[in-house]
Amino acid sequence: MTRRERDALVDAFYEQPYSKVKRWVFQYIPPVGFVYRHPSGKNVFFTPDYEEPGTLVIQVSDPGEALKGFQAEFTSMRADDLFALVRPFLKVGAGRKGWDPRGQR
C-alpha cells in the first residue's frame, strides 16, 4: 500500500458513516494503525498486514483483559469492505465474553 492509498483509506474512515458508530469513535494512530475506541475502555485495533497482502489483523483490548488477536481475509482495500470485517468486533456487554465474532455479519 502506498502512502497515498493509506492516506485515502484513513480519510475515508474519518468520513461518515465510519467515523462514529453508535458510541465507537474512529482514530488513526501512526504507527499503530486504525482503532475504534469505546467509552467503556474497549478498543478494536485493525490494520492491513503489509507483509501478507489480503490479511487484516484485528486486535481487541477489553479493560483488565489480555489483548486478543484475530485475522480476517480481505480482497479489497475499500473502507466499506474493511469495515464489514471489523464491525462484528464492535460489540460491548454481557454475553460477549468468549464470543468469537469471526464469520458473524
PDB file of N, CA and C in Angstrom:
ATOM      1  N   MET A   1       0.848  -1.164   0.000  1.00  0.00           N
ATOM      2  CA  MET A   1       0.000   0.000   0.000  1.00  0.00           C
ATOM      3  C   MET A   1       0.899   1.234   0.000  1.00  0.00           C
ATOM      4  N   THR A   2       0.626   2.122  -0.913  1.00  0.00           N
ATOM      5  CA  THR A   2       1.405   3.350  -0.961  1.00  0.00           C
ATOM      6  C   THR A   2       0.913   4.333   0.105  1.00  0.00           C
ATOM      7  N   ARG A   3       1.706   5.326   0.365  1.00  0.00           N
ATOM      8  CA  ARG A   3       1.315   6.353   1.345  1.00  0.00           C
ATOM      9  C   ARG A   3       0.018   7.042   0.913  1.00  0.00           C
ATOM     10  N   ARG A   4      -0.120   7.303  -0.372  1.00  0.00           N
ATOM     11  CA  ARG A   4      -1.328   7.953  -0.909  1.00  0.00           C
ATOM     12  C   ARG A   4      -2.558   7.067  -0.689  1.00  0.00           C
ATOM     13  N   GLU A   5      -2.426   5.768  -0.952  1.00  0.00           N
ATOM     14  CA  GLU A   5      -3.543   4.841  -0.734  1.00  0.00           C
ATOM     15  C   GLU A   5      -3.912   4.769   0.749  1.00  0.00           C
ATOM     16  N   ARG A   6      -2.887   4.709   1.602  1.00  0.00           N
ATOM     17  CA  ARG A   6      -3.144   4.675   3.046  1.00  0.00           C
ATOM     18  C   ARG A   6      -3.850   5.944   3.500  1.00  0.00           C
ATOM     19  N   ASP A   7      -3.375   7.091   3.038  1.00  0.00           N
ATOM     20  CA  ASP A   7      -3.989   8.368   3.412  1.00  0.00           C
ATOM     21  C   ASP A   7      -5.443   8.441   2.941  1.00  0.00           C
ATOM     22  N   ALA A   8      -5.723   7.944   1.748  1.00  0.00           N
ATOM     23  CA  ALA A   8      -7.095   7.939   1.228  1.00  0.00           C
ATOM     24  C   ALA A   8      -7.985   7.032   2.081  1.00  0.00           C
ATOM     25  N   LEU A   9      -7.442   5.901   2.520  1.00  0.00           N
ATOM     26  CA  LEU A   9      -8.205   4.989   3.372  1.00  0.00           C
ATOM     27  C   LEU A   9      -8.476   5.622   4.733  1.00  0.00           C
ATOM     28  N   VAL A  10      -7.468   6.260   5.303  1.00  0.00           N
ATOM     29  CA  VAL A  10      -7.643   6.957   6.586  1.00  0.00           C
ATOM     30  C   VAL A  10      -8.707   8.038   6.443  1.00  0.00           C
ATOM     31  N   ASP A  11      -8.624   8.834   5.372  1.00  0.00           N
ATOM     32  CA  ASP A  11      -9.620   9.881   5.141  1.00  0.00           C
ATOM     33  C   ASP A  11     -11.025   9.290   5.025  1.00  0.00           C
ATOM     34  N   ALA A  12     -11.149   8.149   4.351  1.00  0.00           N
ATOM     35  CA  ALA A  12     -12.461   7.507   4.199  1.00  0.00           C
ATOM     36  C   ALA A  12     -13.026   7.095   5.553  1.00  0.00           C
ATOM     37  N   PHE A  13     -12.179   6.596   6.451  1.00  0.00           N
ATOM     38  CA  PHE A  13     -12.665   6.196   7.767  1.00  0.00           C
ATOM     39  C   PHE A  13     -13.028   7.397   8.640  1.00  0.00           C
ATOM     40  N   TYR A  14     -12.475   8.556   8.368  1.00  0.00           N
ATOM     41  CA  TYR A  14     -12.845   9.757   9.113  1.00  0.00           C
ATOM     42  C   TYR A  14     -14.154  10.368   8.597  1.00  0.00           C
ATOM     43  N   GLU A  15     -14.658   9.854   7.485  1.00  0.00           N
ATOM     44  CA  GLU A  15     -15.931  10.312   6.931  1.00  0.00           C
ATOM     45  C   GLU A  15     -17.075   9.519   7.558  1.00  0.00           C
ATOM     46  N   GLN A  16     -18.288  10.029   7.407  1.00  0.00           N
ATOM     47  CA  GLN A  16     -19.467   9.270   7.823  1.00  0.00           C
ATOM     48  C   GLN A  16     -19.662   8.140   6.825  1.00  0.00           C
ATOM     49  N   PRO A  17     -20.128   6.998   7.156  1.00  0.00           N
ATOM     50  CA  PRO A  17     -20.667   6.575   8.444  1.00  0.00           C
ATOM     51  C   PRO A  17     -19.635   5.894   9.346  1.00  0.00           C
ATOM     52  N   TYR A  18     -18.359   5.957   8.990  1.00  0.00           N
ATOM     53  CA  TYR A  18     -17.356   5.181   9.727  1.00  0.00           C
ATOM     54  C   TYR A  18     -16.747   5.915  10.918  1.00  0.00           C
ATOM     55  N   SER A  19     -16.764   7.240  10.928  1.00  0.00           N
ATOM     56  CA  SER A  19     -16.060   7.989  11.963  1.00  0.00           C
ATOM     57  C   SER A  19     -16.665   7.791  13.346  1.00  0.00           C
ATOM     58  N   LYS A  20     -17.979   7.575  13.413  1.00  0.00           N
ATOM     59  CA  LYS A  20     -18.648   7.342  14.692  1.00  0.00           C
ATOM     60  C   LYS A  20     -19.719   6.297  14.455  1.00  0.00           C
ATOM     61  N   VAL A  21     -19.592   5.170  15.151  1.00  0.00           N
ATOM     62  CA  VAL A  21     -20.547   4.070  15.027  1.00  0.00           C
ATOM     63  C   VAL A  21     -21.149   3.860  16.411  1.00  0.00           C
ATOM     64  N   LYS A  22     -22.371   4.331  16.585  1.00  0.00           N
ATOM     65  CA  LYS A  22     -23.001   4.372  17.912  1.00  0.00           C
ATOM     66  C   LYS A  22     -22.064   5.123  18.848  1.00  0.00           C
ATOM     67  N   ARG A  23     -21.538   4.478  19.888  1.00  0.00           N
ATOM     68  CA  ARG A  23     -20.643   5.174  20.820  1.00  0.00           C
ATOM     69  C   ARG A  23     -19.171   4.965  20.478  1.00  0.00           C
ATOM     70  N   TRP A  24     -18.867   4.222  19.433  1.00  0.00           N
ATOM     71  CA  TRP A  24     -17.494   3.973  18.999  1.00  0.00           C
ATOM     72  C   TRP A  24     -16.989   5.155  18.182  1.00  0.00           C
ATOM     73  N   VAL A  25     -15.752   5.565  18.436  1.00  0.00           N
ATOM     74  CA  VAL A  25     -15.138   6.676  17.692  1.00  0.00           C
ATOM     75  C   VAL A  25     -13.873   6.163  17.012  1.00  0.00           C
ATOM     76  N   PHE A  26     -13.732   6.480  15.735  1.00  0.00           N
ATOM     77  CA  PHE A  26     -12.572   6.055  14.952  1.00  0.00           C
ATOM     78  C   PHE A  26     -11.401   7.014  15.159  1.00  0.00           C
ATOM     79  N   GLN A  27     -10.186   6.451  15.190  1.00  0.00           N
ATOM     80  CA  GLN A  27      -8.953   7.240  15.204  1.00  0.00           C
ATOM     81  C   GLN A  27      -7.900   6.511  14.378  1.00  0.00           C
ATOM     82  N   TYR A  28      -7.016   7.300  13.781  1.00  0.00           N
ATOM     83  CA  TYR A  28      -5.840   6.727  13.142  1.00  0.00           C
ATOM     84  C   TYR A  28      -4.645   7.147  13.981  1.00  0.00           C
ATOM     85  N   ILE A  29      -3.875   6.176  14.448  1.00  0.00           N
ATOM     86  CA  ILE A  29      -2.736   6.446  15.316  1.00  0.00           C
ATOM     87  C   ILE A  29      -1.483   5.827  14.691  1.00  0.00           C
ATOM     88  N   PRO A  30      -0.672   6.650  13.997  1.00  0.00           N
ATOM     89  CA  PRO A  30       0.555   6.094  13.445  1.00  0.00           C
ATOM     90  C   PRO A  30       1.543   5.780  14.560  1.00  0.00           C
ATOM     91  N   PRO A  31       2.307   4.770  14.547  1.00  0.00           N
ATOM     92  CA  PRO A  31       2.342   3.698  13.551  1.00  0.00           C
ATOM     93  C   PRO A  31       1.431   2.529  13.915  1.00  0.00           C
ATOM     94  N   VAL A  32       0.655   2.658  14.989  1.00  0.00           N
ATOM     95  CA  VAL A  32      -0.212   1.553  15.436  1.00  0.00           C
ATOM     96  C   VAL A  32      -1.224   1.178  14.368  1.00  0.00           C
ATOM     97  N   GLY A  33      -1.886   2.153  13.804  1.00  0.00           N
ATOM     98  CA  GLY A  33      -2.862   1.885  12.760  1.00  0.00           C
ATOM     99  C   GLY A  33      -4.229   2.436  13.099  1.00  0.00           C
ATOM    100  N   PHE A  34      -5.245   1.736  12.664  1.00  0.00           N
ATOM    101  CA  PHE A  34      -6.619   2.149  12.798  1.00  0.00           C
ATOM    102  C   PHE A  34      -7.184   1.622  14.123  1.00  0.00           C
ATOM    103  N   VAL A  35      -8.049   2.396  14.775  1.00  0.00           N
ATOM    104  CA  VAL A  35      -8.626   1.940  16.040  1.00  0.00           C
ATOM    105  C   VAL A  35     -10.015   2.542  16.217  1.00  0.00           C
ATOM    106  N   TYR A  36     -10.900   1.727  16.758  1.00  0.00           N
ATOM    107  CA  TYR A  36     -12.183   2.217  17.249  1.00  0.00           C
ATOM    108  C   TYR A  36     -12.105   2.174  18.758  1.00  0.00           C
ATOM    109  N   ARG A  37     -12.485   3.281  19.406  1.00  0.00           N
ATOM    110  CA  ARG A  37     -12.454   3.384  20.868  1.00  0.00           C
ATOM    111  C   ARG A  37     -13.884   3.516  21.385  1.00  0.00           C
ATOM    112  N   HIS A  38     -14.153   2.832  22.490  1.00  0.00           N
ATOM    113  CA  HIS A  38     -15.465   2.880  23.132  1.00  0.00           C
ATOM    114  C   HIS A  38     -15.308   3.526  24.500  1.00  0.00           C
ATOM    115  N   PRO A  39     -16.302   4.280  24.976  1.00  0.00           N
ATOM    116  CA  PRO A  39     -16.196   4.910  26.299  1.00  0.00           C
ATOM    117  C   PRO A  39     -15.983   3.917  27.447  1.00  0.00           C
ATOM    118  N   SER A  40     -16.324   2.664  27.248  1.00  0.00           N
ATOM    119  CA  SER A  40     -16.131   1.642  28.285  1.00  0.00           C
ATOM    120  C   SER A  40     -14.657   1.301  28.482  1.00  0.00           C
ATOM    121  N   GLY A  41     -13.805   1.756  27.550  1.00  0.00           N
ATOM    122  CA  GLY A  41     -12.384   1.439  27.613  1.00  0.00           C
ATOM    123  C   GLY A  41     -11.974   0.347  26.645  1.00  0.00           C
ATOM    124  N   LYS A  42     -12.944  -0.233  25.958  1.00  0.00           N
ATOM    125  CA  LYS A  42     -12.630  -1.260  24.963  1.00  0.00           C
ATOM    126  C   LYS A  42     -12.093  -0.585  23.703  1.00  0.00           C
ATOM    127  N   ASN A  43     -11.090  -1.212  23.082  1.00  0.00           N
ATOM    128  CA  ASN A  43     -10.512  -0.729  21.832  1.00  0.00           C
ATOM    129  C   ASN A  43     -10.461  -1.870  20.827  1.00  0.00           C
ATOM    130  N   VAL A  44     -10.717  -1.551  19.573  1.00  0.00           N
ATOM    131  CA  VAL A  44     -10.575  -2.516  18.485  1.00  0.00           C
ATOM    132  C   VAL A  44      -9.581  -1.912  17.492  1.00  0.00           C
ATOM    133  N   PHE A  45      -8.374  -2.478  17.479  1.00  0.00           N
ATOM    134  CA  PHE A  45      -7.317  -2.043  16.573  1.00  0.00           C
ATOM    135  C   PHE A  45      -7.379  -2.904  15.324  1.00  0.00           C
ATOM    136  N   PHE A  46      -7.128  -2.308  14.172  1.00  0.00           N
ATOM    137  CA  PHE A  46      -7.067  -3.115  12.954  1.00  0.00           C
ATOM    138  C   PHE A  46      -6.141  -2.456  11.961  1.00  0.00           C
ATOM    139  N   THR A  47      -5.456  -3.295  11.230  1.00  0.00           N
ATOM    140  CA  THR A  47      -4.561  -2.798  10.187  1.00  0.00           C
ATOM    141  C   THR A  47      -4.343  -3.888   9.154  1.00  0.00           C
ATOM    142  N   PRO A  48      -4.317  -3.497   7.899  1.00  0.00           N
ATOM    143  CA  PRO A  48      -3.951  -4.481   6.879  1.00  0.00           C
ATOM    144  C   PRO A  48      -2.515  -4.928   7.113  1.00  0.00           C
ATOM    145  N   ASP A  49      -2.254  -6.191   6.944  1.00  0.00           N
ATOM    146  CA  ASP A  49      -0.898  -6.722   7.099  1.00  0.00           C
ATOM    147  C   ASP A  49      -0.149  -6.438   5.802  1.00  0.00           C
ATOM    148  N   TYR A  50       0.791  -5.512   5.871  1.00  0.00           N
ATOM    149  CA  TYR A  50       1.502  -5.102   4.662  1.00  0.00           C
ATOM    150  C   TYR A  50       2.471  -6.168   4.178  1.00  0.00           C
ATOM    151  N   GLU A  51       2.848  -7.108   5.052  1.00  0.00           N
ATOM    152  CA  GLU A  51       3.766  -8.170   4.645  1.00  0.00           C
ATOM    153  C   GLU A  51       3.007  -9.343   4.041  1.00  0.00           C
ATOM    154  N   GLU A  52       1.749  -9.522   4.417  1.00  0.00           N
ATOM    155  CA  GLU A  52       0.907 -10.571   3.856  1.00  0.00           C
ATOM    156  C   GLU A  52      -0.334  -9.914   3.281  1.00  0.00           C
ATOM    157  N   PRO A  53      -0.264  -9.416   2.042  1.00  0.00           N
ATOM    158  CA  PRO A  53      -1.426  -8.757   1.453  1.00  0.00           C
ATOM    159  C   PRO A  53      -2.652  -9.666   1.499  1.00  0.00           C
ATOM    160  N   GLY A  54      -3.788  -9.078   1.841  1.00  0.00           N
ATOM    161  CA  GLY A  54      -5.023  -9.838   1.934  1.00  0.00           C
ATOM    162  C   GLY A  54      -5.375 -10.242   3.346  1.00  0.00           C
ATOM    163  N   THR A  55      -4.522  -9.906   4.319  1.00  0.00           N
ATOM    164  CA  THR A  55      -4.781 -10.269   5.709  1.00  0.00           C
ATOM    165  C   THR A  55      -5.010  -9.004   6.541  1.00  0.00           C
ATOM    166  N   LEU A  56      -6.152  -8.955   7.205  1.00  0.00           N
ATOM    167  CA  LEU A  56      -6.462  -7.856   8.102  1.00  0.00           C
ATOM    168  C   LEU A  56      -6.245  -8.348   9.525  1.00  0.00           C
ATOM    169  N   VAL A  57      -5.347  -7.688  10.239  1.00  0.00           N
ATOM    170  CA  VAL A  57      -5.056  -8.053  11.623  1.00  0.00           C
ATOM    171  C   VAL A  57      -5.967  -7.214  12.515  1.00  0.00           C
ATOM    172  N   ILE A  58      -6.734  -7.887  13.386  1.00  0.00           N
ATOM    173  CA  ILE A  58      -7.664  -7.224  14.288  1.00  0.00           C
ATOM    174  C   ILE A  58      -7.282  -7.607  15.704  1.00  0.00           C
ATOM    175  N   GLN A  59      -7.121  -6.612  16.565  1.00  0.00           N
ATOM    176  CA  GLN A  59      -6.788  -6.862  17.972  1.00  0.00           C
ATOM    177  C   GLN A  59      -7.815  -6.156  18.842  1.00  0.00           C
ATOM    178  N   VAL A  60      -8.337  -6.892  19.819  1.00  0.00           N
ATOM    179  CA  VAL A  60      -9.369  -6.369  20.702  1.00  0.00           C
ATOM    180  C   VAL A  60      -8.801  -6.282  22.108  1.00  0.00           C
ATOM    181  N   SER A  61      -8.929  -5.095  22.719  1.00  0.00           N
ATOM    182  CA  SER A  61      -8.494  -4.955  24.106  1.00  0.00           C
ATOM    183  C   SER A  61      -9.688  -4.543  24.948  1.00  0.00           C
ATOM    184  N   ASP A  62      -9.990  -5.368  25.923  1.00  0.00           N
ATOM    185  CA  ASP A  62     -11.019  -5.066  26.910  1.00  0.00           C
ATOM    186  C   ASP A  62     -10.308  -4.626  28.175  1.00  0.00           C
ATOM    187  N   PRO A  63     -10.885  -3.671  28.917  1.00  0.00           N
ATOM    188  CA  PRO A  63     -10.241  -3.236  30.164  1.00  0.00           C
ATOM    189  C   PRO A  63      -9.988  -4.422  31.101  1.00  0.00           C
ATOM    190  N   GLY A  64      -8.756  -4.544  31.581  1.00  0.00           N
ATOM    191  CA  GLY A  64      -8.410  -5.590  32.532  1.00  0.00           C
ATOM    192  C   GLY A  64      -8.213  -6.968  31.938  1.00  0.00           C
ATOM    193  N   GLU A  65      -8.233  -7.097  30.625  1.00  0.00           N
ATOM    194  CA  GLU A  65      -8.048  -8.398  29.977  1.00  0.00           C
ATOM    195  C   GLU A  65      -6.880  -8.336  29.002  1.00  0.00           C
ATOM    196  N   ALA A  66      -6.362  -9.499  28.664  1.00  0.00           N
ATOM    197  CA  ALA A  66      -5.264  -9.579  27.692  1.00  0.00           C
ATOM    198  C   ALA A  66      -5.780  -9.238  26.292  1.00  0.00           C
ATOM    199  N   LEU A  67      -4.904  -8.686  25.482  1.00  0.00           N
ATOM    200  CA  LEU A  67      -5.214  -8.357  24.093  1.00  0.00           C
ATOM    201  C   LEU A  67      -5.510  -9.650  23.341  1.00  0.00           C
ATOM    202  N   LYS A  68      -6.597  -9.656  22.573  1.00  0.00           N
ATOM    203  CA  LYS A  68      -6.957 -10.822  21.759  1.00  0.00           C
ATOM    204  C   LYS A  68      -6.726 -10.478  20.301  1.00  0.00           C
ATOM    205  N   GLY A  69      -6.085 -11.376  19.572  1.00  0.00           N
ATOM    206  CA  GLY A  69      -5.794 -11.134  18.167  1.00  0.00           C
ATOM    207  C   GLY A  69      -6.576 -12.040  17.244  1.00  0.00           C
ATOM    208  N   PHE A  70      -6.989 -11.499  16.121  1.00  0.00           N
ATOM    209  CA  PHE A  70      -7.726 -12.234  15.092  1.00  0.00           C
ATOM    210  C   PHE A  70      -7.158 -11.838  13.741  1.00  0.00           C
ATOM    211  N   GLN A  71      -7.402 -12.670  12.746  1.00  0.00           N
ATOM    212  CA  GLN A  71      -7.045 -12.339  11.373  1.00  0.00           C
ATOM    213  C   GLN A  71      -8.267 -12.581  10.505  1.00  0.00           C
ATOM    214  N   ALA A  72      -8.457 -11.716   9.534  1.00  0.00           N
ATOM    215  CA  ALA A  72      -9.552 -11.871   8.585  1.00  0.00           C
ATOM    216  C   ALA A  72      -8.979 -11.658   7.189  1.00  0.00           C
ATOM    217  N   GLU A  73      -9.467 -12.422   6.247  1.00  0.00           N
ATOM    218  CA  GLU A  73      -9.009 -12.288   4.862  1.00  0.00           C
ATOM    219  C   GLU A  73      -9.856 -11.231   4.160  1.00  0.00           C
ATOM    220  N   PHE A  74      -9.205 -10.397   3.342  1.00  0.00           N
ATOM    221  CA  PHE A  74      -9.947  -9.406   2.575  1.00  0.00           C
ATOM    222  C   PHE A  74      -9.436  -9.386   1.141  1.00  0.00           C
ATOM    223  N   THR A  75     -10.289  -8.907   0.256  1.00  0.00           N
ATOM    224  CA  THR A  75      -9.916  -8.840  -1.154  1.00  0.00           C
ATOM    225  C   THR A  75      -9.909  -7.411  -1.665  1.00  0.00           C
ATOM    226  N   SER A  76     -10.402  -6.475  -0.852  1.00  0.00           N
ATOM    227  CA  SER A  76     -10.486  -5.086  -1.280  1.00  0.00           C
ATOM    228  C   SER A  76     -10.044  -4.171  -0.159  1.00  0.00           C
ATOM    229  N   MET A  77      -9.338  -3.114  -0.508  1.00  0.00           N
ATOM    230  CA  MET A  77      -8.895  -2.128   0.472  1.00  0.00           C
ATOM    231  C   MET A  77      -9.885  -0.972   0.591  1.00  0.00           C
ATOM    232  N   ARG A  78     -11.100  -1.168   0.102  1.00  0.00           N
ATOM    233  CA  ARG A  78     -12.124  -0.132   0.249  1.00  0.00           C
ATOM    234  C   ARG A  78     -12.592  -0.088   1.690  1.00  0.00           C
ATOM    235  N   ALA A  79     -12.898   1.104   2.179  1.00  0.00           N
ATOM    236  CA  ALA A  79     -13.360   1.276   3.562  1.00  0.00           C
ATOM    237  C   ALA A  79     -14.596   0.422   3.834  1.00  0.00           C
ATOM    238  N   ASP A  80     -15.521   0.339   2.884  1.00  0.00           N
ATOM    239  CA  ASP A  80     -16.735  -0.472   3.072  1.00  0.00           C
ATOM    240  C   ASP A  80     -16.388  -1.919   3.388  1.00  0.00           C
ATOM    241  N   ASP A  81     -15.471  -2.475   2.619  1.00  0.00           N
ATOM    242  CA  ASP A  81     -15.127  -3.888   2.760  1.00  0.00           C
ATOM    243  C   ASP A  81     -14.360  -4.155   4.059  1.00  0.00           C
ATOM    244  N   LEU A  82     -13.426  -3.270   4.406  1.00  0.00           N
ATOM    245  CA  LEU A  82     -12.679  -3.455   5.655  1.00  0.00           C
ATOM    246  C   LEU A  82     -13.593  -3.264   6.862  1.00  0.00           C
ATOM    247  N   PHE A  83     -14.493  -2.277   6.801  1.00  0.00           N
ATOM    248  CA  PHE A  83     -15.413  -2.039   7.910  1.00  0.00           C
ATOM    249  C   PHE A  83     -16.339  -3.232   8.125  1.00  0.00           C
ATOM    250  N   ALA A  84     -16.750  -3.886   7.040  1.00  0.00           N
ATOM    251  CA  ALA A  84     -17.611  -5.074   7.165  1.00  0.00           C
ATOM    252  C   ALA A  84     -16.917  -6.177   7.968  1.00  0.00           C
ATOM    253  N   LEU A  85     -15.588  -6.254   7.888  1.00  0.00           N
ATOM    254  CA  LEU A  85     -14.842  -7.254   8.651  1.00  0.00           C
ATOM    255  C   LEU A  85     -14.663  -6.830  10.113  1.00  0.00           C
ATOM    256  N   VAL A  86     -14.568  -5.533  10.353  1.00  0.00           N
ATOM    257  CA  VAL A  86     -14.324  -5.021  11.701  1.00  0.00           C
ATOM    258  C   VAL A  86     -15.621  -4.888  12.503  1.00  0.00           C
ATOM    259  N   ARG A  87     -16.704  -4.562  11.855  1.00  0.00           N
ATOM    260  CA  ARG A  87     -17.976  -4.273  12.535  1.00  0.00           C
ATOM    261  C   ARG A  87     -18.403  -5.327  13.559  1.00  0.00           C
ATOM    262  N   PRO A  88     -18.300  -6.628  13.275  1.00  0.00           N
ATOM    263  CA  PRO A  88     -18.720  -7.611  14.283  1.00  0.00           C
ATOM    264  C   PRO A  88     -17.953  -7.523  15.604  1.00  0.00           C
ATOM    265  N   PHE A  89     -16.773  -6.915  15.584  1.00  0.00           N
ATOM    266  CA  PHE A  89     -15.978  -6.785  16.806  1.00  0.00           C
ATOM    267  C   PHE A  89     -16.434  -5.600  17.660  1.00  0.00           C
ATOM    268  N   LEU A  90     -17.287  -4.755  17.096  1.00  0.00           N
ATOM    269  CA  LEU A  90     -17.742  -3.559  17.802  1.00  0.00           C
ATOM    270  C   LEU A  90     -18.982  -3.881  18.633  1.00  0.00           C
ATOM    271  N   LYS A  91     -18.817  -4.787  19.557  1.00  0.00           N
ATOM    272  CA  LYS A  91     -19.896  -5.174  20.466  1.00  0.00           C
ATOM    273  C   LYS A  91     -19.374  -5.056  21.886  1.00  0.00           C
ATOM    274  N   VAL A  92     -20.246  -4.651  22.772  1.00  0.00           N
ATOM    275  CA  VAL A  92     -19.882  -4.459  24.169  1.00  0.00           C
ATOM    276  C   VAL A  92     -20.990  -5.056  25.021  1.00  0.00           C
ATOM    277  N   GLY A  93     -20.611  -5.600  26.170  1.00  0.00           N
ATOM    278  CA  GLY A  93     -21.628  -6.008  27.129  1.00  0.00           C
ATOM    279  C   GLY A  93     -21.590  -7.470  27.483  1.00  0.00           C
ATOM    280  N   ALA A  94     -22.470  -7.812  28.398  1.00  0.00           N
ATOM    281  CA  ALA A  94     -22.573  -9.195  28.872  1.00  0.00           C
ATOM    282  C   ALA A  94     -22.952 -10.105  27.712  1.00  0.00           C
ATOM    283  N   GLY A  95     -22.547 -11.337  27.798  1.00  0.00           N
ATOM    284  CA  GLY A  95     -22.847 -12.298  26.746  1.00  0.00           C
ATOM    285  C   GLY A  95     -21.811 -12.280  25.631  1.00  0.00           C
ATOM    286  N   ARG A  96     -20.898 -11.310  25.663  1.00  0.00           N
ATOM    287  CA  ARG A  96     -19.867 -11.235  24.645  1.00  0.00           C
ATOM    288  C   ARG A  96     -18.609 -11.962  25.070  1.00  0.00           C
ATOM    289  N   LYS A  97     -18.483 -12.297  26.349  1.00  0.00           N
ATOM    290  CA  LYS A  97     -17.284 -12.988  26.858  1.00  0.00           C
ATOM    291  C   LYS A  97     -17.099 -14.317  26.126  1.00  0.00           C
ATOM    292  N   GLY A  98     -15.910 -14.543  25.614  1.00  0.00           N
ATOM    293  CA  GLY A  98     -15.613 -15.796  24.939  1.00  0.00           C
ATOM    294  C   GLY A  98     -16.222 -15.901  23.549  1.00  0.00           C
ATOM    295  N   TRP A  99     -16.908 -14.848  23.114  1.00  0.00           N
ATOM    296  CA  TRP A  99     -17.568 -14.846  21.814  1.00  0.00           C
ATOM    297  C   TRP A  99     -16.547 -14.580  20.726  1.00  0.00           C
ATOM    298  N   ASP A 100     -16.596 -15.360  19.657  1.00  0.00           N
ATOM    299  CA  ASP A 100     -15.682 -15.176  18.540  1.00  0.00           C
ATOM    300  C   ASP A 100     -16.476 -14.580  17.377  1.00  0.00           C
ATOM    301  N   PRO A 101     -16.268 -13.312  17.080  1.00  0.00           N
ATOM    302  CA  PRO A 101     -17.088 -12.628  16.075  1.00  0.00           C
ATOM    303  C   PRO A 101     -16.770 -12.967  14.635  1.00  0.00           C
ATOM    304  N   ARG A 102     -15.714 -13.725  14.398  1.00  0.00           N
ATOM    305  CA  ARG A 102     -15.399 -14.055  13.009  1.00  0.00           C
ATOM    306  C   ARG A 102     -16.549 -14.849  12.402  1.00  0.00           C
ATOM    307  N   GLY A 103     -16.886 -14.501  11.179  1.00  0.00           N
ATOM    308  CA  GLY A 103     -17.969 -15.187  10.495  1.00  0.00           C
ATOM    309  C   GLY A 103     -19.337 -14.614  10.821  1.00  0.00           C
ATOM    310  N   GLN A 104     -19.436 -13.674  11.742  1.00  0.00           N
ATOM    311  CA  GLN A 104     -20.702 -13.037  12.105  1.00  0.00           C
ATOM    312  C   GLN A 104     -20.852 -11.774  11.277  1.00  0.00           C
ATOM    313  N   ARG A 105     -21.997 -11.538  10.749  1.00  0.00           N
ATOM    314  CA  ARG A 105     -22.263 -10.296   9.996  1.00  0.00           C
ATOM    315  C   ARG A 105     -23.523  -9.664  10.509  1.00  0.00           C
TER     316      ARG A 105
END
